[in-house]
PDB file of all heavy atoms in Angstrom:
ATOM      1  N   ASN A   1      -4.405  31.930   8.284  1.00  0.00           N
ATOM      2  CA  ASN A   1      -4.570  33.197   9.003  1.00  0.00           C
ATOM      3  C   ASN A   1      -5.285  34.265   8.187  1.00  0.00           C
ATOM      4  O   ASN A   1      -5.673  35.300   8.736  1.00  0.00           O
ATOM      5  CB  ASN A   1      -3.194  33.738   9.426  1.00  0.00           C
ATOM      6  CG  ASN A   1      -2.520  32.840  10.452  1.00  0.00           C
ATOM      7  OD1 ASN A   1      -3.184  32.269  11.311  1.00  0.00           O
ATOM      8  ND2 ASN A   1      -1.202  32.720  10.358  1.00  0.00           N
ATOM      9  N   ALA A   2      -5.435  34.003   6.888  1.00  0.00           N
ATOM     10  CA  ALA A   2      -5.910  35.064   5.995  1.00  0.00           C
ATOM     11  C   ALA A   2      -7.327  34.871   5.490  1.00  0.00           C
ATOM     12  O   ALA A   2      -7.837  35.731   4.781  1.00  0.00           O
ATOM     13  CB  ALA A   2      -4.965  35.185   4.795  1.00  0.00           C
ATOM     14  N   CYS A   3      -7.964  33.753   5.801  1.00  0.00           N
ATOM     15  CA  CYS A   3      -9.303  33.545   5.227  1.00  0.00           C
ATOM     16  C   CYS A   3     -10.217  32.783   6.172  1.00  0.00           C
ATOM     17  O   CYS A   3      -9.778  32.101   7.097  1.00  0.00           O
ATOM     18  CB  CYS A   3      -9.211  32.838   3.879  1.00  0.00           C
ATOM     19  SG  CYS A   3      -8.746  31.111   3.963  1.00  0.00           S
ATOM     20  N   ASP A   4     -11.522  32.923   5.906  1.00  0.00           N
ATOM     21  CA  ASP A   4     -12.553  32.177   6.633  1.00  0.00           C
ATOM     22  C   ASP A   4     -12.953  30.919   5.870  1.00  0.00           C
ATOM     23  O   ASP A   4     -13.281  29.902   6.473  1.00  0.00           O
ATOM     24  CB  ASP A   4     -13.805  33.052   6.823  1.00  0.00           C
ATOM     25  CG  ASP A   4     -13.494  34.358   7.512  1.00  0.00           C
ATOM     26  OD1 ASP A   4     -12.846  34.312   8.581  1.00  0.00           O
ATOM     27  OD2 ASP A   4     -13.880  35.425   6.990  1.00  0.00           O
ATOM     28  N   VAL A   5     -12.928  31.027   4.530  1.00  0.00           N
ATOM     29  CA  VAL A   5     -13.359  29.919   3.673  1.00  0.00           C
ATOM     30  C   VAL A   5     -12.278  29.653   2.631  1.00  0.00           C
ATOM     31  O   VAL A   5     -11.871  30.556   1.898  1.00  0.00           O
ATOM     32  CB  VAL A   5     -14.695  30.227   2.966  1.00  0.00           C
ATOM     33  CG1 VAL A   5     -15.095  29.074   2.062  1.00  0.00           C
ATOM     34  CG2 VAL A   5     -15.795  30.504   3.975  1.00  0.00           C
ATOM     35  N   PHE A   6     -11.828  28.410   2.581  1.00  0.00           N
ATOM     36  CA  PHE A   6     -10.841  27.971   1.595  1.00  0.00           C
ATOM     37  C   PHE A   6     -11.558  27.049   0.618  1.00  0.00           C
ATOM     38  O   PHE A   6     -12.071  25.994   1.014  1.00  0.00           O
ATOM     39  CB  PHE A   6      -9.705  27.237   2.302  1.00  0.00           C
ATOM     40  CG  PHE A   6      -8.629  26.703   1.386  1.00  0.00           C
ATOM     41  CD1 PHE A   6      -7.704  27.551   0.811  1.00  0.00           C
ATOM     42  CD2 PHE A   6      -8.547  25.346   1.113  1.00  0.00           C
ATOM     43  CE1 PHE A   6      -6.701  27.056  -0.023  1.00  0.00           C
ATOM     44  CE2 PHE A   6      -7.557  24.840   0.285  1.00  0.00           C
ATOM     45  CZ  PHE A   6      -6.629  25.702  -0.292  1.00  0.00           C
ATOM     46  N   ILE A   7     -11.626  27.455  -0.645  1.00  0.00           N
ATOM     47  CA  ILE A   7     -12.385  26.700  -1.646  1.00  0.00           C
ATOM     48  C   ILE A   7     -11.418  25.978  -2.581  1.00  0.00           C
ATOM     49  O   ILE A   7     -10.585  26.610  -3.251  1.00  0.00           O
ATOM     50  CB  ILE A   7     -13.326  27.616  -2.457  1.00  0.00           C
ATOM     51  CG1 ILE A   7     -14.281  28.359  -1.514  1.00  0.00           C
ATOM     52  CG2 ILE A   7     -14.122  26.792  -3.466  1.00  0.00           C
ATOM     53  CD1 ILE A   7     -15.190  29.363  -2.222  1.00  0.00           C
ATOM     54  N   VAL A   8     -11.528  24.665  -2.615  1.00  0.00           N
ATOM     55  CA  VAL A   8     -10.721  23.823  -3.498  1.00  0.00           C
ATOM     56  C   VAL A   8     -11.548  23.532  -4.742  1.00  0.00           C
ATOM     57  O   VAL A   8     -12.617  22.923  -4.665  1.00  0.00           O
ATOM     58  CB  VAL A   8     -10.332  22.506  -2.803  1.00  0.00           C
ATOM     59  CG1 VAL A   8      -9.443  21.666  -3.713  1.00  0.00           C
ATOM     60  CG2 VAL A   8      -9.637  22.782  -1.473  1.00  0.00           C
ATOM     61  N   ILE A   9     -11.055  23.966  -5.898  1.00  0.00           N
ATOM     62  CA  ILE A   9     -11.782  23.813  -7.158  1.00  0.00           C
ATOM     63  C   ILE A   9     -11.090  22.749  -7.999  1.00  0.00           C
ATOM     64  O   ILE A   9      -9.952  22.934  -8.439  1.00  0.00           O
ATOM     65  CB  ILE A   9     -11.840  25.148  -7.932  1.00  0.00           C
ATOM     66  CG1 ILE A   9     -12.449  26.255  -7.053  1.00  0.00           C
ATOM     67  CG2 ILE A   9     -12.633  24.983  -9.227  1.00  0.00           C
ATOM     68  CD1 ILE A   9     -12.281  27.643  -7.629  1.00  0.00           C
ATOM     69  N   GLY A  10     -11.774  21.644  -8.226  1.00  0.00           N
ATOM     70  CA  GLY A  10     -11.191  20.569  -9.018  1.00  0.00           C
ATOM     71  C   GLY A  10     -12.171  19.421  -9.134  1.00  0.00           C
ATOM     72  O   GLY A  10     -13.163  19.342  -8.412  1.00  0.00           O
ATOM     73  N   VAL A  11     -11.877  18.513 -10.046  1.00  0.00           N
ATOM     74  CA  VAL A  11     -12.735  17.346 -10.244  1.00  0.00           C
ATOM     75  C   VAL A  11     -11.841  16.119 -10.372  1.00  0.00           C
ATOM     76  O   VAL A  11     -10.674  16.218 -10.762  1.00  0.00           O
ATOM     77  CB  VAL A  11     -13.627  17.523 -11.503  1.00  0.00           C
ATOM     78  CG1 VAL A  11     -12.819  17.499 -12.784  1.00  0.00           C
ATOM     79  CG2 VAL A  11     -14.756  16.491 -11.545  1.00  0.00           C
ATOM     80  N   GLY A  12     -12.374  14.948 -10.024  1.00  0.00           N
ATOM     81  CA  GLY A  12     -11.613  13.704 -10.137  1.00  0.00           C
ATOM     82  C   GLY A  12     -10.393  13.722  -9.233  1.00  0.00           C
ATOM     83  O   GLY A  12     -10.460  14.097  -8.060  1.00  0.00           O
ATOM     84  N   GLY A  13      -9.251  13.347  -9.799  1.00  0.00           N
ATOM     85  CA  GLY A  13      -8.029  13.277  -9.018  1.00  0.00           C
ATOM     86  C   GLY A  13      -7.559  14.611  -8.481  1.00  0.00           C
ATOM     87  O   GLY A  13      -6.739  14.660  -7.561  1.00  0.00           O
ATOM     88  N   SER A  14      -8.097  15.701  -9.015  1.00  0.00           N
ATOM     89  CA  SER A  14      -7.690  17.024  -8.545  1.00  0.00           C
ATOM     90  C   SER A  14      -8.261  17.368  -7.175  1.00  0.00           C
ATOM     91  O   SER A  14      -7.799  18.327  -6.549  1.00  0.00           O
ATOM     92  CB  SER A  14      -8.106  18.104  -9.558  1.00  0.00           C
ATOM     93  OG  SER A  14      -7.419  17.924 -10.772  1.00  0.00           O
ATOM     94  N   TYR A  15      -9.288  16.648  -6.746  1.00  0.00           N
ATOM     95  CA  TYR A  15      -9.840  16.954  -5.417  1.00  0.00           C
ATOM     96  C   TYR A  15     -10.086  15.724  -4.552  1.00  0.00           C
ATOM     97  O   TYR A  15     -10.085  15.805  -3.319  1.00  0.00           O
ATOM     98  CB  TYR A  15     -11.139  17.756  -5.552  1.00  0.00           C
ATOM     99  CG  TYR A  15     -12.397  16.931  -5.609  1.00  0.00           C
ATOM    100  CD1 TYR A  15     -13.228  16.815  -4.494  1.00  0.00           C
ATOM    101  CD2 TYR A  15     -12.772  16.250  -6.769  1.00  0.00           C
ATOM    102  CE1 TYR A  15     -14.385  16.052  -4.531  1.00  0.00           C
ATOM    103  CE2 TYR A  15     -13.922  15.495  -6.818  1.00  0.00           C
ATOM    104  CZ  TYR A  15     -14.731  15.399  -5.695  1.00  0.00           C
ATOM    105  OH  TYR A  15     -15.870  14.647  -5.727  1.00  0.00           O
ATOM    106  N   LEU A  16     -10.270  14.540  -5.166  1.00  0.00           N
ATOM    107  CA  LEU A  16     -10.652  13.359  -4.383  1.00  0.00           C
ATOM    108  C   LEU A  16      -9.580  12.956  -3.375  1.00  0.00           C
ATOM    109  O   LEU A  16      -9.903  12.546  -2.249  1.00  0.00           O
ATOM    110  CB  LEU A  16     -10.952  12.184  -5.319  1.00  0.00           C
ATOM    111  CG  LEU A  16     -12.342  12.159  -5.951  1.00  0.00           C
ATOM    112  CD1 LEU A  16     -12.421  11.086  -7.031  1.00  0.00           C
ATOM    113  CD2 LEU A  16     -13.423  11.927  -4.907  1.00  0.00           C
ATOM    114  N   GLY A  17      -8.317  13.064  -3.750  1.00  0.00           N
ATOM    115  CA  GLY A  17      -7.243  12.663  -2.855  1.00  0.00           C
ATOM    116  C   GLY A  17      -7.177  13.535  -1.608  1.00  0.00           C
ATOM    117  O   GLY A  17      -7.102  13.030  -0.479  1.00  0.00           O
ATOM    118  N   SER A  18      -7.210  14.852  -1.803  1.00  0.00           N
ATOM    119  CA  SER A  18      -7.153  15.747  -0.635  1.00  0.00           C
ATOM    120  C   SER A  18      -8.399  15.603   0.219  1.00  0.00           C
ATOM    121  O   SER A  18      -8.328  15.594   1.454  1.00  0.00           O
ATOM    122  CB  SER A  18      -6.967  17.201  -1.086  1.00  0.00           C
ATOM    123  OG  SER A  18      -8.012  17.628  -1.920  1.00  0.00           O
ATOM    124  N   LYS A  19      -9.555  15.449  -0.406  1.00  0.00           N
ATOM    125  CA  LYS A  19     -10.798  15.267   0.365  1.00  0.00           C
ATOM    126  C   LYS A  19     -10.752  13.968   1.165  1.00  0.00           C
ATOM    127  O   LYS A  19     -11.231  13.891   2.296  1.00  0.00           O
ATOM    128  CB  LYS A  19     -12.007  15.274  -0.564  1.00  0.00           C
ATOM    129  CG  LYS A  19     -13.349  15.356   0.169  1.00  0.00           C
ATOM    130  CD  LYS A  19     -14.492  15.554  -0.815  1.00  0.00           C
ATOM    131  CE  LYS A  19     -15.791  15.899  -0.098  1.00  0.00           C
ATOM    132  NZ  LYS A  19     -16.245  14.890   0.869  1.00  0.00           N
ATOM    133  N   ALA A  20     -10.148  12.927   0.577  1.00  0.00           N
ATOM    134  CA  ALA A  20     -10.035  11.643   1.265  1.00  0.00           C
ATOM    135  C   ALA A  20      -9.255  11.791   2.567  1.00  0.00           C
ATOM    136  O   ALA A  20      -9.666  11.261   3.618  1.00  0.00           O
ATOM    137  CB  ALA A  20      -9.353  10.614   0.359  1.00  0.00           C
ATOM    138  N   ILE A  21      -8.130  12.499   2.526  1.00  0.00           N
ATOM    139  CA  ILE A  21      -7.293  12.656   3.715  1.00  0.00           C
ATOM    140  C   ILE A  21      -7.940  13.612   4.709  1.00  0.00           C
ATOM    141  O   ILE A  21      -7.962  13.349   5.925  1.00  0.00           O
ATOM    142  CB  ILE A  21      -5.891  13.152   3.323  1.00  0.00           C
ATOM    143  CG1 ILE A  21      -5.233  12.181   2.346  1.00  0.00           C
ATOM    144  CG2 ILE A  21      -5.027  13.345   4.556  1.00  0.00           C
ATOM    145  CD1 ILE A  21      -5.156  10.743   2.833  1.00  0.00           C
ATOM    146  N   ILE A  22      -8.471  14.716   4.223  1.00  0.00           N
ATOM    147  CA  ILE A  22      -9.109  15.693   5.117  1.00  0.00           C
ATOM    148  C   ILE A  22     -10.287  15.064   5.854  1.00  0.00           C
ATOM    149  O   ILE A  22     -10.422  15.192   7.075  1.00  0.00           O
ATOM    150  CB  ILE A  22      -9.544  16.937   4.321  1.00  0.00           C
ATOM    151  CG1 ILE A  22      -8.315  17.735   3.884  1.00  0.00           C
ATOM    152  CG2 ILE A  22     -10.483  17.816   5.146  1.00  0.00           C
ATOM    153  CD1 ILE A  22      -8.600  18.815   2.865  1.00  0.00           C
ATOM    154  N   ASP A  23     -11.152  14.350   5.132  1.00  0.00           N
ATOM    155  CA  ASP A  23     -12.324  13.741   5.774  1.00  0.00           C
ATOM    156  C   ASP A  23     -11.931  12.620   6.735  1.00  0.00           C
ATOM    157  O   ASP A  23     -12.588  12.404   7.752  1.00  0.00           O
ATOM    158  CB  ASP A  23     -13.288  13.203   4.721  1.00  0.00           C
ATOM    159  CG  ASP A  23     -14.042  14.311   3.999  1.00  0.00           C
ATOM    160  OD1 ASP A  23     -13.900  15.488   4.408  1.00  0.00           O
ATOM    161  OD2 ASP A  23     -14.760  14.014   3.024  1.00  0.00           O
ATOM    162  N   ALA A  24     -10.852  11.901   6.424  1.00  0.00           N
ATOM    163  CA  ALA A  24     -10.407  10.825   7.310  1.00  0.00           C
ATOM    164  C   ALA A  24      -9.890  11.372   8.636  1.00  0.00           C
ATOM    165  O   ALA A  24      -9.969  10.687   9.666  1.00  0.00           O
ATOM    166  CB  ALA A  24      -9.318   9.999   6.629  1.00  0.00           C
ATOM    167  N   LEU A  25      -9.377  12.594   8.631  1.00  0.00           N
ATOM    168  CA  LEU A  25      -8.768  13.167   9.830  1.00  0.00           C
ATOM    169  C   LEU A  25      -9.614  14.263  10.474  1.00  0.00           C
ATOM    170  O   LEU A  25      -9.277  14.753  11.555  1.00  0.00           O
ATOM    171  CB  LEU A  25      -7.383  13.719   9.478  1.00  0.00           C
ATOM    172  CG  LEU A  25      -6.377  12.674   8.967  1.00  0.00           C
ATOM    173  CD1 LEU A  25      -5.114  13.347   8.466  1.00  0.00           C
ATOM    174  CD2 LEU A  25      -6.049  11.656  10.047  1.00  0.00           C
ATOM    175  N   ARG A  26     -10.710  14.634   9.847  1.00  0.00           N
ATOM    176  CA  ARG A  26     -11.556  15.714  10.353  1.00  0.00           C
ATOM    177  C   ARG A  26     -12.478  15.192  11.466  1.00  0.00           C
ATOM    178  O   ARG A  26     -13.150  14.176  11.281  1.00  0.00           O
ATOM    179  CB  ARG A  26     -12.409  16.256   9.202  1.00  0.00           C
ATOM    180  CG  ARG A  26     -13.212  17.506   9.536  1.00  0.00           C
ATOM    181  CD  ARG A  26     -14.389  17.686   8.584  1.00  0.00           C
ATOM    182  NE  ARG A  26     -14.057  17.684   7.185  1.00  0.00           N
ATOM    183  CZ  ARG A  26     -13.884  18.780   6.457  1.00  0.00           C
ATOM    184  NH1 ARG A  26     -13.978  19.959   7.019  1.00  0.00           N
ATOM    185  NH2 ARG A  26     -13.619  18.672   5.172  1.00  0.00           N
ATOM    186  N   PRO A  27     -12.552  15.864  12.620  1.00  0.00           N
ATOM    187  CA  PRO A  27     -13.547  15.468  13.623  1.00  0.00           C
ATOM    188  C   PRO A  27     -14.954  15.578  13.041  1.00  0.00           C
ATOM    189  O   PRO A  27     -15.230  16.460  12.223  1.00  0.00           O
ATOM    190  CB  PRO A  27     -13.336  16.485  14.753  1.00  0.00           C
ATOM    191  CG  PRO A  27     -11.948  16.996  14.559  1.00  0.00           C
ATOM    192  CD  PRO A  27     -11.714  16.980  13.066  1.00  0.00           C
ATOM    193  N   TYR A  28     -15.839  14.692  13.473  1.00  0.00           N
ATOM    194  CA  TYR A  28     -17.181  14.659  12.896  1.00  0.00           C
ATOM    195  C   TYR A  28     -17.959  15.955  13.129  1.00  0.00           C
ATOM    196  O   TYR A  28     -18.668  16.419  12.245  1.00  0.00           O
ATOM    197  CB  TYR A  28     -17.974  13.491  13.487  1.00  0.00           C
ATOM    198  CG  TYR A  28     -17.675  12.152  12.842  1.00  0.00           C
ATOM    199  CD1 TYR A  28     -17.081  11.132  13.583  1.00  0.00           C
ATOM    200  CD2 TYR A  28     -17.990  11.910  11.516  1.00  0.00           C
ATOM    201  CE1 TYR A  28     -16.813   9.903  13.003  1.00  0.00           C
ATOM    202  CE2 TYR A  28     -17.720  10.689  10.928  1.00  0.00           C
ATOM    203  CZ  TYR A  28     -17.138   9.680  11.675  1.00  0.00           C
ATOM    204  OH  TYR A  28     -16.861   8.463  11.097  1.00  0.00           O
ATOM    205  N   PHE A  29     -17.849  16.543  14.298  1.00  0.00           N
ATOM    206  CA  PHE A  29     -18.765  17.616  14.662  1.00  0.00           C
ATOM    207  C   PHE A  29     -18.077  18.922  15.033  1.00  0.00           C
ATOM    208  O   PHE A  29     -18.508  19.637  15.912  1.00  0.00           O
ATOM    209  CB  PHE A  29     -19.669  17.150  15.820  1.00  0.00           C
ATOM    210  CG  PHE A  29     -20.442  15.906  15.490  1.00  0.00           C
ATOM    211  CD1 PHE A  29     -20.143  14.699  16.103  1.00  0.00           C
ATOM    212  CD2 PHE A  29     -21.447  15.929  14.534  1.00  0.00           C
ATOM    213  CE1 PHE A  29     -20.835  13.545  15.784  1.00  0.00           C
ATOM    214  CE2 PHE A  29     -22.139  14.778  14.205  1.00  0.00           C
ATOM    215  CZ  PHE A  29     -21.843  13.587  14.828  1.00  0.00           C
ATOM    216  N   SER A  30     -16.986  19.233  14.340  1.00  0.00           N
ATOM    217  CA  SER A  30     -16.359  20.529  14.545  1.00  0.00           C
ATOM    218  C   SER A  30     -15.897  21.065  13.197  1.00  0.00           C
ATOM    219  O   SER A  30     -15.414  20.306  12.357  1.00  0.00           O
ATOM    220  CB  SER A  30     -15.174  20.425  15.503  1.00  0.00           C
ATOM    221  OG  SER A  30     -14.138  19.670  14.934  1.00  0.00           O
ATOM    222  N   LYS A  31     -16.062  22.356  13.007  1.00  0.00           N
ATOM    223  CA  LYS A  31     -15.656  22.970  11.749  1.00  0.00           C
ATOM    224  C   LYS A  31     -14.186  23.357  11.812  1.00  0.00           C
ATOM    225  O   LYS A  31     -13.699  23.840  12.821  1.00  0.00           O
ATOM    226  CB  LYS A  31     -16.513  24.204  11.463  1.00  0.00           C
ATOM    227  CG  LYS A  31     -17.932  23.891  11.039  1.00  0.00           C
ATOM    228  CD  LYS A  31     -18.663  25.149  10.635  1.00  0.00           C
ATOM    229  CE  LYS A  31     -20.074  24.834  10.135  1.00  0.00           C
ATOM    230  NZ  LYS A  31     -20.808  26.061   9.741  1.00  0.00           N
ATOM    231  N   SER A  32     -13.512  23.149  10.692  1.00  0.00           N
ATOM    232  CA  SER A  32     -12.110  23.557  10.632  1.00  0.00           C
ATOM    233  C   SER A  32     -12.025  25.066  10.425  1.00  0.00           C
ATOM    234  O   SER A  32     -12.982  25.711   9.987  1.00  0.00           O
ATOM    235  CB  SER A  32     -11.411  22.837   9.483  1.00  0.00           C
ATOM    236  OG  SER A  32     -12.016  23.182   8.244  1.00  0.00           O
ATOM    237  N   THR A  33     -10.906  25.638  10.764  1.00  0.00           N
ATOM    238  CA  THR A  33     -10.652  27.052  10.504  1.00  0.00           C
ATOM    239  C   THR A  33      -9.375  27.158   9.678  1.00  0.00           C
ATOM    240  O   THR A  33      -8.305  26.790  10.151  1.00  0.00           O
ATOM    241  CB  THR A  33     -10.479  27.833  11.823  1.00  0.00           C
ATOM    242  OG1 THR A  33     -11.625  27.616  12.650  1.00  0.00           O
ATOM    243  CG2 THR A  33     -10.343  29.315  11.555  1.00  0.00           C
TER     244      THR A  33
END
């Protein structure tokens, strides 16, 4: 409710796991809010 852009800062295991789940569940052609 508080932001337009959420930036995840990390490398390797600090971001790959969350990106894996988010991309697996994200619709191809709609932006998340």
